[in-house]
Amino acid sequence: MTKLSPEEVERRKQAIFASLSARGRRYVEKIGYDKWDPFEAPKDPIDIRRDATKRTTQQLVREFLQSRPPEAPYSNAYGQAVMEMAIGIVNDDERYQAMLDFATWYNEQLKLAEQHQP
């Protein structure tokens, strides 16, 4: 893309402002016309967020559910819980990290209990 002169940038900014609705103009006036940048790049959508393994929430959920044996019980509540956990882990939410830590610890406790049974 070609570099625009400051005059051209200002002309385009004024044209965009003129085309805004009354509500849009109020928003710009509230933040200040000088601070307003109609050319700033959009922010990344949430679904592009990735976890430590570089997977999106959808990838984690799909891979997990596909890894389950076909005879394993599955319900809408189960699927929703998997999705909620994946979102929490990807967003680095402390609550879901605690649930993961507890579930991992408890699984180890179950394995230890099985080893000590006659």
PDB file of N, CA and C in Angstrom:
ATOM      1  N   MET A   1       0.832  -1.169   0.000  1.00  0.00           N
ATOM      2  CA  MET A   1       0.000   0.000   0.000  1.00  0.00           C
ATOM      3  C   MET A   1       0.884   1.243   0.000  1.00  0.00           C
ATOM      4  N   THR A   2       0.489   2.247  -0.728  1.00  0.00           N
ATOM      5  CA  THR A   2       1.286   3.456  -0.818  1.00  0.00           C
ATOM      6  C   THR A   2       1.138   4.285   0.450  1.00  0.00           C
ATOM      7  N   LYS A   3       2.192   5.013   0.758  1.00  0.00           N
ATOM      8  CA  LYS A   3       2.193   5.879   1.935  1.00  0.00           C
ATOM      9  C   LYS A   3       1.444   7.157   1.594  1.00  0.00           C
ATOM     10  N   LEU A   4       0.467   7.512   2.418  1.00  0.00           N
ATOM     11  CA  LEU A   4      -0.340   8.702   2.180  1.00  0.00           C
ATOM     12  C   LEU A   4       0.278   9.909   2.877  1.00  0.00           C
ATOM     13  N   SER A   5       0.100  11.045   2.273  1.00  0.00           N
ATOM     14  CA  SER A   5       0.576  12.278   2.896  1.00  0.00           C
ATOM     15  C   SER A   5      -0.327  12.597   4.088  1.00  0.00           C
ATOM     16  N   PRO A   6       0.179  13.381   5.045  1.00  0.00           N
ATOM     17  CA  PRO A   6      -0.653  13.756   6.203  1.00  0.00           C
ATOM     18  C   PRO A   6      -1.937  14.473   5.789  1.00  0.00           C
ATOM     19  N   GLU A   7      -1.873  15.245   4.729  1.00  0.00           N
ATOM     20  CA  GLU A   7      -3.065  15.951   4.251  1.00  0.00           C
ATOM     21  C   GLU A   7      -4.113  14.964   3.728  1.00  0.00           C
ATOM     22  N   GLU A   8      -3.641  13.945   3.012  1.00  0.00           N
ATOM     23  CA  GLU A   8      -4.556  12.930   2.475  1.00  0.00           C
ATOM     24  C   GLU A   8      -5.177  12.108   3.606  1.00  0.00           C
ATOM     25  N   VAL A   9      -4.378  11.787   4.604  1.00  0.00           N
ATOM     26  CA  VAL A   9      -4.889  11.044   5.761  1.00  0.00           C
ATOM     27  C   VAL A   9      -5.973  11.863   6.453  1.00  0.00           C
ATOM     28  N   GLU A  10      -5.720  13.157   6.657  1.00  0.00           N
ATOM     29  CA  GLU A  10      -6.703  14.022   7.313  1.00  0.00           C
ATOM     30  C   GLU A  10      -7.965  14.159   6.476  1.00  0.00           C
ATOM     31  N   ARG A  11      -7.820  14.265   5.155  1.00  0.00           N
ATOM     32  CA  ARG A  11      -8.983  14.369   4.273  1.00  0.00           C
ATOM     33  C   ARG A  11      -9.850  13.116   4.370  1.00  0.00           C
ATOM     34  N   ARG A  12      -9.198  11.955   4.379  1.00  0.00           N
ATOM     35  CA  ARG A  12      -9.951  10.696   4.491  1.00  0.00           C
ATOM     36  C   ARG A  12     -10.603  10.554   5.867  1.00  0.00           C
ATOM     37  N   LYS A  13      -9.888  10.981   6.909  1.00  0.00           N
ATOM     38  CA  LYS A  13     -10.437  10.921   8.261  1.00  0.00           C
ATOM     39  C   LYS A  13     -11.691  11.785   8.356  1.00  0.00           C
ATOM     40  N   GLN A  14     -11.646  12.995   7.776  1.00  0.00           N
ATOM     41  CA  GLN A  14     -12.808  13.881   7.780  1.00  0.00           C
ATOM     42  C   GLN A  14     -13.966  13.260   6.999  1.00  0.00           C
ATOM     43  N   ALA A  15     -13.655  12.604   5.878  1.00  0.00           N
ATOM     44  CA  ALA A  15     -14.700  11.969   5.077  1.00  0.00           C
ATOM     45  C   ALA A  15     -15.372  10.837   5.856  1.00  0.00           C
ATOM     46  N   ILE A  16     -14.577  10.057   6.584  1.00  0.00           N
ATOM     47  CA  ILE A  16     -15.134   8.969   7.393  1.00  0.00           C
ATOM     48  C   ILE A  16     -16.009   9.546   8.500  1.00  0.00           C
ATOM     49  N   PHE A  17     -15.509  10.595   9.166  1.00  0.00           N
ATOM     50  CA  PHE A  17     -16.282  11.226  10.240  1.00  0.00           C
ATOM     51  C   PHE A  17     -17.610  11.761   9.712  1.00  0.00           C
ATOM     52  N   ALA A  18     -17.571  12.382   8.534  1.00  0.00           N
ATOM     53  CA  ALA A  18     -18.785  12.949   7.937  1.00  0.00           C
ATOM     54  C   ALA A  18     -19.803  11.867   7.595  1.00  0.00           C
ATOM     55  N   SER A  19     -19.333  10.649   7.306  1.00  0.00           N
ATOM     56  CA  SER A  19     -20.241   9.567   6.920  1.00  0.00           C
ATOM     57  C   SER A  19     -20.802   8.808   8.121  1.00  0.00           C
ATOM     58  N   LEU A  20     -20.301   9.096   9.319  1.00  0.00           N
ATOM     59  CA  LEU A  20     -20.773   8.400  10.515  1.00  0.00           C
ATOM     60  C   LEU A  20     -22.188   8.822  10.882  1.00  0.00           C
ATOM     61  N   SER A  21     -22.871   7.914  11.566  1.00  0.00           N
ATOM     62  CA  SER A  21     -24.187   8.240  12.114  1.00  0.00           C
ATOM     63  C   SER A  21     -24.007   9.195  13.296  1.00  0.00           C
ATOM     64  N   ALA A  22     -25.089   9.748  13.768  1.00  0.00           N
ATOM     65  CA  ALA A  22     -25.029  10.663  14.914  1.00  0.00           C
ATOM     66  C   ALA A  22     -24.419   9.963  16.126  1.00  0.00           C
ATOM     67  N   ARG A  23     -24.780   8.711  16.304  1.00  0.00           N
ATOM     68  CA  ARG A  23     -24.241   7.943  17.440  1.00  0.00           C
ATOM     69  C   ARG A  23     -22.732   7.767  17.286  1.00  0.00           C
ATOM     70  N   GLY A  24     -22.285   7.452  16.073  1.00  0.00           N
ATOM     71  CA  GLY A  24     -20.859   7.285  15.817  1.00  0.00           C
ATOM     72  C   GLY A  24     -20.091   8.569  16.050  1.00  0.00           C
ATOM     73  N   ARG A  25     -20.665   9.699  15.620  1.00  0.00           N
ATOM     74  CA  ARG A  25     -20.021  10.993  15.838  1.00  0.00           C
ATOM     75  C   ARG A  25     -19.914  11.317  17.322  1.00  0.00           C
ATOM     76  N   ARG A  26     -20.962  10.993  18.096  1.00  0.00           N
ATOM     77  CA  ARG A  26     -20.908  11.229  19.541  1.00  0.00           C
ATOM     78  C   ARG A  26     -19.778  10.420  20.184  1.00  0.00           C
ATOM     79  N   TYR A  27     -19.611   9.185  19.717  1.00  0.00           N
ATOM     80  CA  TYR A  27     -18.536   8.345  20.250  1.00  0.00           C
ATOM     81  C   TYR A  27     -17.176   8.980  19.962  1.00  0.00           C
ATOM     82  N   VAL A  28     -16.977   9.431  18.724  1.00  0.00           N
ATOM     83  CA  VAL A  28     -15.705  10.050  18.349  1.00  0.00           C
ATOM     84  C   VAL A  28     -15.476  11.319  19.157  1.00  0.00           C
ATOM     85  N   GLU A  29     -16.507  12.120  19.314  1.00  0.00           N
ATOM     86  CA  GLU A  29     -16.375  13.356  20.087  1.00  0.00           C
ATOM     87  C   GLU A  29     -16.078  13.064  21.554  1.00  0.00           C
ATOM     88  N   LYS A  30     -16.626  11.971  22.047  1.00  0.00           N
ATOM     89  CA  LYS A  30     -16.391  11.587  23.442  1.00  0.00           C
ATOM     90  C   LYS A  30     -14.913  11.239  23.670  1.00  0.00           C
ATOM     91  N   ILE A  31     -14.316  10.461  22.739  1.00  0.00           N
ATOM     92  CA  ILE A  31     -12.901  10.089  22.902  1.00  0.00           C
ATOM     93  C   ILE A  31     -11.967  11.184  22.402  1.00  0.00           C
ATOM     94  N   GLY A  32     -12.496  12.091  21.594  1.00  0.00           N
ATOM     95  CA  GLY A  32     -11.688  13.177  21.041  1.00  0.00           C
ATOM     96  C   GLY A  32     -11.313  12.890  19.604  1.00  0.00           C
ATOM     97  N   TYR A  33     -11.652  13.831  18.730  1.00  0.00           N
ATOM     98  CA  TYR A  33     -11.381  13.646  17.299  1.00  0.00           C
ATOM     99  C   TYR A  33      -9.893  13.435  17.050  1.00  0.00           C
ATOM    100  N   ASP A  34      -9.019  14.166  17.764  1.00  0.00           N
ATOM    101  CA  ASP A  34      -7.571  14.042  17.554  1.00  0.00           C
ATOM    102  C   ASP A  34      -7.043  12.666  17.956  1.00  0.00           C
ATOM    103  N   LYS A  35      -7.649  12.059  18.986  1.00  0.00           N
ATOM    104  CA  LYS A  35      -7.219  10.725  19.443  1.00  0.00           C
ATOM    105  C   LYS A  35      -7.822   9.605  18.607  1.00  0.00           C
ATOM    106  N   TRP A  36      -8.898   9.866  17.914  1.00  0.00           N
ATOM    107  CA  TRP A  36      -9.616   8.866  17.137  1.00  0.00           C
ATOM    108  C   TRP A  36      -8.797   8.452  15.923  1.00  0.00           C
ATOM    109  N   ASP A  37      -8.635   7.149  15.741  1.00  0.00           N
ATOM    110  CA  ASP A  37      -7.903   6.626  14.588  1.00  0.00           C
ATOM    111  C   ASP A  37      -8.801   5.653  13.832  1.00  0.00           C
ATOM    112  N   PRO A  38      -9.438   6.127  12.754  1.00  0.00           N
ATOM    113  CA  PRO A  38     -10.327   5.227  12.008  1.00  0.00           C
ATOM    114  C   PRO A  38      -9.572   4.202  11.175  1.00  0.00           C
ATOM    115  N   PHE A  39      -8.245   4.295  11.148  1.00  0.00           N
ATOM    116  CA  PHE A  39      -7.429   3.403  10.318  1.00  0.00           C
ATOM    117  C   PHE A  39      -6.714   2.321  11.114  1.00  0.00           C
ATOM    118  N   GLU A  40      -6.951   2.254  12.440  1.00  0.00           N
ATOM    119  CA  GLU A  40      -6.254   1.260  13.243  1.00  0.00           C
ATOM    120  C   GLU A  40      -6.686  -0.153  12.846  1.00  0.00           C
ATOM    121  N   ALA A  41      -5.735  -1.077  12.968  1.00  0.00           N
ATOM    122  CA  ALA A  41      -6.003  -2.470  12.593  1.00  0.00           C
ATOM    123  C   ALA A  41      -6.975  -3.097  13.591  1.00  0.00           C
ATOM    124  N   PRO A  42      -7.853  -3.992  13.126  1.00  0.00           N
ATOM    125  CA  PRO A  42      -8.787  -4.646  14.052  1.00  0.00           C
ATOM    126  C   PRO A  42      -8.047  -5.590  14.989  1.00  0.00           C
ATOM    127  N   LYS A  43      -8.641  -5.807  16.146  1.00  0.00           N
ATOM    128  CA  LYS A  43      -8.058  -6.722  17.126  1.00  0.00           C
ATOM    129  C   LYS A  43      -8.356  -8.163  16.722  1.00  0.00           C
ATOM    130  N   ASP A  44      -7.506  -9.082  17.204  1.00  0.00           N
ATOM    131  CA  ASP A  44      -7.710 -10.497  16.904  1.00  0.00           C
ATOM    132  C   ASP A  44      -8.978 -11.003  17.559  1.00  0.00           C
ATOM    133  N   PRO A  45      -9.768 -11.779  16.832  1.00  0.00           N
ATOM    134  CA  PRO A  45     -10.954 -12.370  17.456  1.00  0.00           C
ATOM    135  C   PRO A  45     -10.565 -13.419  18.495  1.00  0.00           C
ATOM    136  N   ILE A  46     -11.480 -13.679  19.408  1.00  0.00           N
ATOM    137  CA  ILE A  46     -11.226 -14.627  20.494  1.00  0.00           C
ATOM    138  C   ILE A  46     -10.869 -16.014  19.975  1.00  0.00           C
ATOM    139  N   ASP A  47     -11.519 -16.460  18.891  1.00  0.00           N
ATOM    140  CA  ASP A  47     -11.282 -17.838  18.452  1.00  0.00           C
ATOM    141  C   ASP A  47      -9.886 -18.057  17.894  1.00  0.00           C
ATOM    142  N   ILE A  48      -9.070 -17.006  17.786  1.00  0.00           N
ATOM    143  CA  ILE A  48      -7.698 -17.188  17.324  1.00  0.00           C
ATOM    144  C   ILE A  48      -6.760 -17.398  18.512  1.00  0.00           C
ATOM    145  N   ARG A  49      -7.246 -17.201  19.712  1.00  0.00           N
ATOM    146  CA  ARG A  49      -6.409 -17.432  20.887  1.00  0.00           C
ATOM    147  C   ARG A  49      -5.985 -18.888  20.917  1.00  0.00           C
ATOM    148  N   ARG A  50      -4.759 -19.110  21.357  1.00  0.00           N
ATOM    149  CA  ARG A  50      -4.214 -20.471  21.381  1.00  0.00           C
ATOM    150  C   ARG A  50      -3.637 -20.773  22.760  1.00  0.00           C
ATOM    151  N   ASP A  51      -3.573 -22.067  23.056  1.00  0.00           N
ATOM    152  CA  ASP A  51      -3.021 -22.483  24.341  1.00  0.00           C
ATOM    153  C   ASP A  51      -1.520 -22.721  24.205  1.00  0.00           C
ATOM    154  N   ALA A  52      -0.919 -23.302  25.219  1.00  0.00           N
ATOM    155  CA  ALA A  52       0.527 -23.562  25.209  1.00  0.00           C
ATOM    156  C   ALA A  52       0.935 -24.538  24.117  1.00  0.00           C
ATOM    157  N   THR A  53       0.003 -25.374  23.652  1.00  0.00           N
ATOM    158  CA  THR A  53       0.312 -26.338  22.590  1.00  0.00           C
ATOM    159  C   THR A  53      -0.001 -25.771  21.200  1.00  0.00           C
ATOM    160  N   LYS A  54      -0.336 -24.472  21.143  1.00  0.00           N
ATOM    161  CA  LYS A  54      -0.635 -23.759  19.891  1.00  0.00           C
ATOM    162  C   LYS A  54      -1.942 -24.220  19.249  1.00  0.00           C
ATOM    163  N   ARG A  55      -2.872 -24.733  20.052  1.00  0.00           N
ATOM    164  CA  ARG A  55      -4.174 -25.162  19.545  1.00  0.00           C
ATOM    165  C   ARG A  55      -5.234 -24.155  19.973  1.00  0.00           C
ATOM    166  N   THR A  56      -6.250 -23.999  19.113  1.00  0.00           N
ATOM    167  CA  THR A  56      -7.392 -23.166  19.472  1.00  0.00           C
ATOM    168  C   THR A  56      -8.322 -23.973  20.363  1.00  0.00           C
ATOM    169  N   THR A  57      -9.292 -23.297  20.949  1.00  0.00           N
ATOM    170  CA  THR A  57     -10.277 -23.974  21.784  1.00  0.00           C
ATOM    171  C   THR A  57     -10.999 -25.052  20.994  1.00  0.00           C
ATOM    172  N   GLN A  58     -11.418 -24.724  19.782  1.00  0.00           N
ATOM    173  CA  GLN A  58     -12.133 -25.694  18.947  1.00  0.00           C
ATOM    174  C   GLN A  58     -11.274 -26.917  18.653  1.00  0.00           C
ATOM    175  N   GLN A  59      -9.991 -26.708  18.370  1.00  0.00           N
ATOM    176  CA  GLN A  59      -9.104 -27.838  18.097  1.00  0.00           C
ATOM    177  C   GLN A  59      -8.969 -28.735  19.329  1.00  0.00           C
ATOM    178  N   LEU A  60      -8.815 -28.111  20.501  1.00  0.00           N
ATOM    179  CA  LEU A  60      -8.699 -28.904  21.727  1.00  0.00           C
ATOM    180  C   LEU A  60      -9.941 -29.752  21.960  1.00  0.00           C
ATOM    181  N   VAL A  61     -11.114 -29.133  21.821  1.00  0.00           N
ATOM    182  CA  VAL A  61     -12.369 -29.849  22.058  1.00  0.00           C
ATOM    183  C   VAL A  61     -12.518 -30.993  21.060  1.00  0.00           C
ATOM    184  N   ARG A  62     -12.302 -30.712  19.796  1.00  0.00           N
ATOM    185  CA  ARG A  62     -12.465 -31.741  18.756  1.00  0.00           C
ATOM    186  C   ARG A  62     -11.501 -32.906  18.980  1.00  0.00           C
ATOM    187  N   GLU A  63     -10.223 -32.595  19.232  1.00  0.00           N
ATOM    188  CA  GLU A  63      -9.236 -33.660  19.438  1.00  0.00           C
ATOM    189  C   GLU A  63      -9.560 -34.494  20.672  1.00  0.00           C
ATOM    190  N   PHE A  64      -9.984 -33.826  21.751  1.00  0.00           N
ATOM    191  CA  PHE A  64     -10.329 -34.567  22.965  1.00  0.00           C
ATOM    192  C   PHE A  64     -11.508 -35.499  22.715  1.00  0.00           C
ATOM    193  N   LEU A  65     -12.586 -34.960  22.140  1.00  0.00           N
ATOM    194  CA  LEU A  65     -13.780 -35.782  21.917  1.00  0.00           C
ATOM    195  C   LEU A  65     -13.506 -36.926  20.953  1.00  0.00           C
ATOM    196  N   GLN A  66     -12.656 -36.708  19.965  1.00  0.00           N
ATOM    197  CA  GLN A  66     -12.310 -37.780  19.035  1.00  0.00           C
ATOM    198  C   GLN A  66     -11.426 -38.838  19.688  1.00  0.00           C
ATOM    199  N   SER A  67     -10.717 -38.457  20.744  1.00  0.00           N
ATOM    200  CA  SER A  67      -9.848 -39.417  21.423  1.00  0.00           C
ATOM    201  C   SER A  67     -10.626 -40.353  22.349  1.00  0.00           C
ATOM    202  N   ARG A  68     -11.863 -39.994  22.664  1.00  0.00           N
ATOM    203  CA  ARG A  68     -12.683 -40.802  23.561  1.00  0.00           C
ATOM    204  C   ARG A  68     -13.132 -42.069  22.842  1.00  0.00           C
ATOM    205  N   PRO A  69     -13.209 -43.192  23.562  1.00  0.00           N
ATOM    206  CA  PRO A  69     -13.695 -44.424  22.928  1.00  0.00           C
ATOM    207  C   PRO A  69     -15.158 -44.264  22.504  1.00  0.00           C
ATOM    208  N   PRO A  70     -15.547 -44.892  21.412  1.00  0.00           N
ATOM    209  CA  PRO A  70     -16.921 -44.749  20.914  1.00  0.00           C
ATOM    210  C   PRO A  70     -17.989 -45.145  21.935  1.00  0.00           C
ATOM    211  N   GLU A  71     -17.670 -46.089  22.800  1.00  0.00           N
ATOM    212  CA  GLU A  71     -18.667 -46.547  23.777  1.00  0.00           C
ATOM    213  C   GLU A  71     -18.722 -45.644  25.020  1.00  0.00           C
ATOM    214  N   ALA A  72     -17.824 -44.659  25.112  1.00  0.00           N
ATOM    215  CA  ALA A  72     -17.820 -43.759  26.273  1.00  0.00           C
ATOM    216  C   ALA A  72     -19.093 -42.924  26.274  1.00  0.00           C
ATOM    217  N   PRO A  73     -19.673 -42.715  27.460  1.00  0.00           N
ATOM    218  CA  PRO A  73     -20.905 -41.917  27.530  1.00  0.00           C
ATOM    219  C   PRO A  73     -20.637 -40.475  27.096  1.00  0.00           C
ATOM    220  N   TYR A  74     -21.562 -39.932  26.335  1.00  0.00           N
ATOM    221  CA  TYR A  74     -21.435 -38.557  25.853  1.00  0.00           C
ATOM    222  C   TYR A  74     -22.808 -37.912  25.856  1.00  0.00           C
ATOM    223  N   SER A  75     -22.885 -36.719  26.403  1.00  0.00           N
ATOM    224  CA  SER A  75     -24.148 -35.980  26.441  1.00  0.00           C
ATOM    225  C   SER A  75     -23.854 -34.516  26.126  1.00  0.00           C
ATOM    226  N   ASN A  76     -24.914 -33.736  25.992  1.00  0.00           N
ATOM    227  CA  ASN A  76     -24.727 -32.306  25.764  1.00  0.00           C
ATOM    228  C   ASN A  76     -24.001 -31.668  26.941  1.00  0.00           C
ATOM    229  N   ALA A  77     -24.342 -32.081  28.154  1.00  0.00           N
ATOM    230  CA  ALA A  77     -23.687 -31.539  29.343  1.00  0.00           C
ATOM    231  C   ALA A  77     -22.194 -31.856  29.327  1.00  0.00           C
ATOM    232  N   TYR A  78     -21.845 -33.066  28.897  1.00  0.00           N
ATOM    233  CA  TYR A  78     -20.440 -33.480  28.813  1.00  0.00           C
ATOM    234  C   TYR A  78     -19.709 -32.597  27.802  1.00  0.00           C
ATOM    235  N   GLY A  79     -20.296 -32.430  26.632  1.00  0.00           N
ATOM    236  CA  GLY A  79     -19.687 -31.599  25.584  1.00  0.00           C
ATOM    237  C   GLY A  79     -19.543 -30.151  26.018  1.00  0.00           C
ATOM    238  N   GLN A  80     -20.557 -29.627  26.707  1.00  0.00           N
ATOM    239  CA  GLN A  80     -20.493 -28.245  27.186  1.00  0.00           C
ATOM    240  C   GLN A  80     -19.393 -28.085  28.237  1.00  0.00           C
ATOM    241  N   ALA A  81     -19.237 -29.074  29.098  1.00  0.00           N
ATOM    242  CA  ALA A  81     -18.188 -29.022  30.120  1.00  0.00           C
ATOM    243  C   ALA A  81     -16.806 -29.045  29.478  1.00  0.00           C
ATOM    244  N   VAL A  82     -16.637 -29.870  28.445  1.00  0.00           N
ATOM    245  CA  VAL A  82     -15.361 -29.924  27.732  1.00  0.00           C
ATOM    246  C   VAL A  82     -15.064 -28.561  27.107  1.00  0.00           C
ATOM    247  N   MET A  83     -16.078 -27.969  26.466  1.00  0.00           N
ATOM    248  CA  MET A  83     -15.891 -26.658  25.839  1.00  0.00           C
ATOM    249  C   MET A  83     -15.547 -25.601  26.887  1.00  0.00           C
ATOM    250  N   GLU A  84     -16.246 -25.616  28.012  1.00  0.00           N
ATOM    251  CA  GLU A  84     -15.996 -24.640  29.075  1.00  0.00           C
ATOM    252  C   GLU A  84     -14.574 -24.782  29.618  1.00  0.00           C
ATOM    253  N   MET A  85     -14.135 -26.009  29.830  1.00  0.00           N
ATOM    254  CA  MET A  85     -12.775 -26.236  30.319  1.00  0.00           C
ATOM    255  C   MET A  85     -11.746 -25.756  29.303  1.00  0.00           C
ATOM    256  N   ALA A  86     -11.966 -26.053  28.027  1.00  0.00           N
ATOM    257  CA  ALA A  86     -11.021 -25.633  26.990  1.00  0.00           C
ATOM    258  C   ALA A  86     -10.915 -24.116  26.932  1.00  0.00           C
ATOM    259  N   ILE A  87     -12.051 -23.425  26.989  1.00  0.00           N
ATOM    260  CA  ILE A  87     -12.039 -21.958  26.968  1.00  0.00           C
ATOM    261  C   ILE A  87     -11.297 -21.426  28.185  1.00  0.00           C
ATOM    262  N   GLY A  88     -11.575 -21.994  29.355  1.00  0.00           N
ATOM    263  CA  GLY A  88     -10.900 -21.554  30.576  1.00  0.00           C
ATOM    264  C   GLY A  88      -9.403 -21.759  30.527  1.00  0.00           C
ATOM    265  N   ILE A  89      -8.970 -22.897  29.989  1.00  0.00           N
ATOM    266  CA  ILE A  89      -7.533 -23.184  29.891  1.00  0.00           C
ATOM    267  C   ILE A  89      -6.875 -22.244  28.883  1.00  0.00           C
ATOM    268  N   VAL A  90      -7.491 -22.060  27.710  1.00  0.00           N
ATOM    269  CA  VAL A  90      -6.918 -21.181  26.688  1.00  0.00           C
ATOM    270  C   VAL A  90      -6.845 -19.738  27.190  1.00  0.00           C
ATOM    271  N   ASN A  91      -7.851 -19.307  27.938  1.00  0.00           N
ATOM    272  CA  ASN A  91      -7.859 -17.944  28.481  1.00  0.00           C
ATOM    273  C   ASN A  91      -7.016 -17.806  29.736  1.00  0.00           C
ATOM    274  N   ASP A  92      -6.377 -18.897  30.166  1.00  0.00           N
ATOM    275  CA  ASP A  92      -5.521 -18.918  31.353  1.00  0.00           C
ATOM    276  C   ASP A  92      -6.281 -18.458  32.589  1.00  0.00           C
ATOM    277  N   ASP A  93      -7.520 -18.948  32.707  1.00  0.00           N
ATOM    278  CA  ASP A  93      -8.375 -18.617  33.852  1.00  0.00           C
ATOM    279  C   ASP A  93      -7.959 -19.491  35.036  1.00  0.00           C
ATOM    280  N   GLU A  94      -7.635 -18.863  36.136  1.00  0.00           N
ATOM    281  CA  GLU A  94      -7.139 -19.568  37.320  1.00  0.00           C
ATOM    282  C   GLU A  94      -8.129 -20.621  37.829  1.00  0.00           C
ATOM    283  N   ARG A  95      -9.405 -20.351  37.700  1.00  0.00           N
ATOM    284  CA  ARG A  95     -10.438 -21.292  38.172  1.00  0.00           C
ATOM    285  C   ARG A  95     -10.326 -22.637  37.446  1.00  0.00           C
ATOM    286  N   TYR A  96     -10.153 -22.572  36.121  1.00  0.00           N
ATOM    287  CA  TYR A  96     -10.071 -23.809  35.343  1.00  0.00           C
ATOM    288  C   TYR A  96      -8.729 -24.493  35.524  1.00  0.00           C
ATOM    289  N   GLN A  97      -7.674 -23.717  35.744  1.00  0.00           N
ATOM    290  CA  GLN A  97      -6.382 -24.315  36.041  1.00  0.00           C
ATOM    291  C   GLN A  97      -6.464 -25.093  37.349  1.00  0.00           C
ATOM    292  N   ALA A  98      -7.187 -24.555  38.328  1.00  0.00           N
ATOM    293  CA  ALA A  98      -7.371 -25.258  39.602  1.00  0.00           C
ATOM    294  C   ALA A  98      -8.133 -26.564  39.392  1.00  0.00           C
ATOM    295  N   MET A  99      -9.185 -26.534  38.559  1.00  0.00           N
ATOM    296  CA  MET A  99      -9.951 -27.756  38.270  1.00  0.00           C
ATOM    297  C   MET A  99      -9.065 -28.799  37.593  1.00  0.00           C
ATOM    298  N   LEU A 100      -8.241 -28.353  36.650  1.00  0.00           N
ATOM    299  CA  LEU A 100      -7.332 -29.269  35.967  1.00  0.00           C
ATOM    300  C   LEU A 100      -6.333 -29.866  36.951  1.00  0.00           C
ATOM    301  N   ASP A 101      -5.750 -29.028  37.792  1.00  0.00           N
ATOM    302  CA  ASP A 101      -4.790 -29.517  38.789  1.00  0.00           C
ATOM    303  C   ASP A 101      -5.432 -30.527  39.731  1.00  0.00           C
ATOM    304  N   PHE A 102      -6.653 -30.218  40.204  1.00  0.00           N
ATOM    305  CA  PHE A 102      -7.339 -31.135  41.108  1.00  0.00           C
ATOM    306  C   PHE A 102      -7.655 -32.459  40.411  1.00  0.00           C
ATOM    307  N   ALA A 103      -8.160 -32.399  39.183  1.00  0.00           N
ATOM    308  CA  ALA A 103      -8.505 -33.628  38.460  1.00  0.00           C
ATOM    309  C   ALA A 103      -7.261 -34.485  38.224  1.00  0.00           C
ATOM    310  N   THR A 104      -6.135 -33.855  37.902  1.00  0.00           N
ATOM    311  CA  THR A 104      -4.885 -34.591  37.706  1.00  0.00           C
ATOM    312  C   THR A 104      -4.443 -35.249  39.015  1.00  0.00           C
ATOM    313  N   TRP A 105      -4.496 -34.470  40.098  1.00  0.00           N
ATOM    314  CA  TRP A 105      -4.126 -35.005  41.405  1.00  0.00           C
ATOM    315  C   TRP A 105      -5.043 -36.165  41.801  1.00  0.00           C
ATOM    316  N   TYR A 106      -6.336 -35.993  41.623  1.00  0.00           N
ATOM    317  CA  TYR A 106      -7.294 -37.025  42.012  1.00  0.00           C
ATOM    318  C   TYR A 106      -7.092 -38.299  41.185  1.00  0.00           C
ATOM    319  N   ASN A 107      -6.788 -38.152  39.919  1.00  0.00           N
ATOM    320  CA  ASN A 107      -6.527 -39.319  39.070  1.00  0.00           C
ATOM    321  C   ASN A 107      -5.317 -40.096  39.593  1.00  0.00           C
ATOM    322  N   GLU A 108      -4.304 -39.380  40.027  1.00  0.00           N
ATOM    323  CA  GLU A 108      -3.133 -40.033  40.620  1.00  0.00           C
ATOM    324  C   GLU A 108      -3.510 -40.764  41.912  1.00  0.00           C
ATOM    325  N   GLN A 109      -4.388 -40.153  42.722  1.00  0.00           N
ATOM    326  CA  GLN A 109      -4.850 -40.787  43.956  1.00  0.00           C
ATOM    327  C   GLN A 109      -5.595 -42.078  43.660  1.00  0.00           C
ATOM    328  N   LEU A 110      -6.414 -42.077  42.624  1.00  0.00           N
ATOM    329  CA  LEU A 110      -7.149 -43.291  42.233  1.00  0.00           C
ATOM    330  C   LEU A 110      -6.185 -44.395  41.805  1.00  0.00           C
ATOM    331  N   LYS A 111      -5.155 -44.033  41.069  1.00  0.00           N
ATOM    332  CA  LYS A 111      -4.162 -45.031  40.627  1.00  0.00           C
ATOM    333  C   LYS A 111      -3.418 -45.614  41.818  1.00  0.00           C
ATOM    334  N   LEU A 112      -3.071 -44.765  42.784  1.00  0.00           N
ATOM    335  CA  LEU A 112      -2.401 -45.253  43.988  1.00  0.00           C
ATOM    336  C   LEU A 112      -3.299 -46.183  44.779  1.00  0.00           C
ATOM    337  N   ALA A 113      -4.562 -45.858  44.889  1.00  0.00           N
ATOM    338  CA  ALA A 113      -5.504 -46.679  45.623  1.00  0.00           C
ATOM    339  C   ALA A 113      -5.665 -48.039  44.955  1.00  0.00           C
ATOM    340  N   GLU A 114      -5.652 -48.078  43.618  1.00  0.00           N
ATOM    341  CA  GLU A 114      -5.780 -49.349  42.885  1.00  0.00           C
ATOM    342  C   GLU A 114      -4.549 -50.227  43.119  1.00  0.00           C
ATOM    343  N   GLN A 115      -3.363 -49.636  43.225  1.00  0.00           N
ATOM    344  CA  GLN A 115      -2.135 -50.391  43.430  1.00  0.00           C
ATOM    345  C   GLN A 115      -2.094 -51.018  44.808  1.00  0.00           C
ATOM    346  N   HIS A 116      -2.718 -50.393  45.787  1.00  0.00           N
ATOM    347  CA  HIS A 116      -2.668 -50.895  47.164  1.00  0.00           C
ATOM    348  C   HIS A 116      -3.807 -51.828  47.513  1.00  0.00           C
ATOM    349  N   GLN A 117      -4.688 -52.104  46.567  1.00  0.00           N
ATOM    350  CA  GLN A 117      -5.770 -53.050  46.832  1.00  0.00           C
ATOM    351  C   GLN A 117      -5.286 -54.462  46.548  1.00  0.00           C
ATOM    352  N   PRO A 118      -5.658 -55.409  47.423  1.00  0.00           N
ATOM    353  CA  PRO A 118      -5.216 -56.805  47.216  1.00  0.00           C
ATOM    354  C   PRO A 118      -5.947 -57.474  46.078  1.00  0.00           C
TER     355      PRO A 118
END
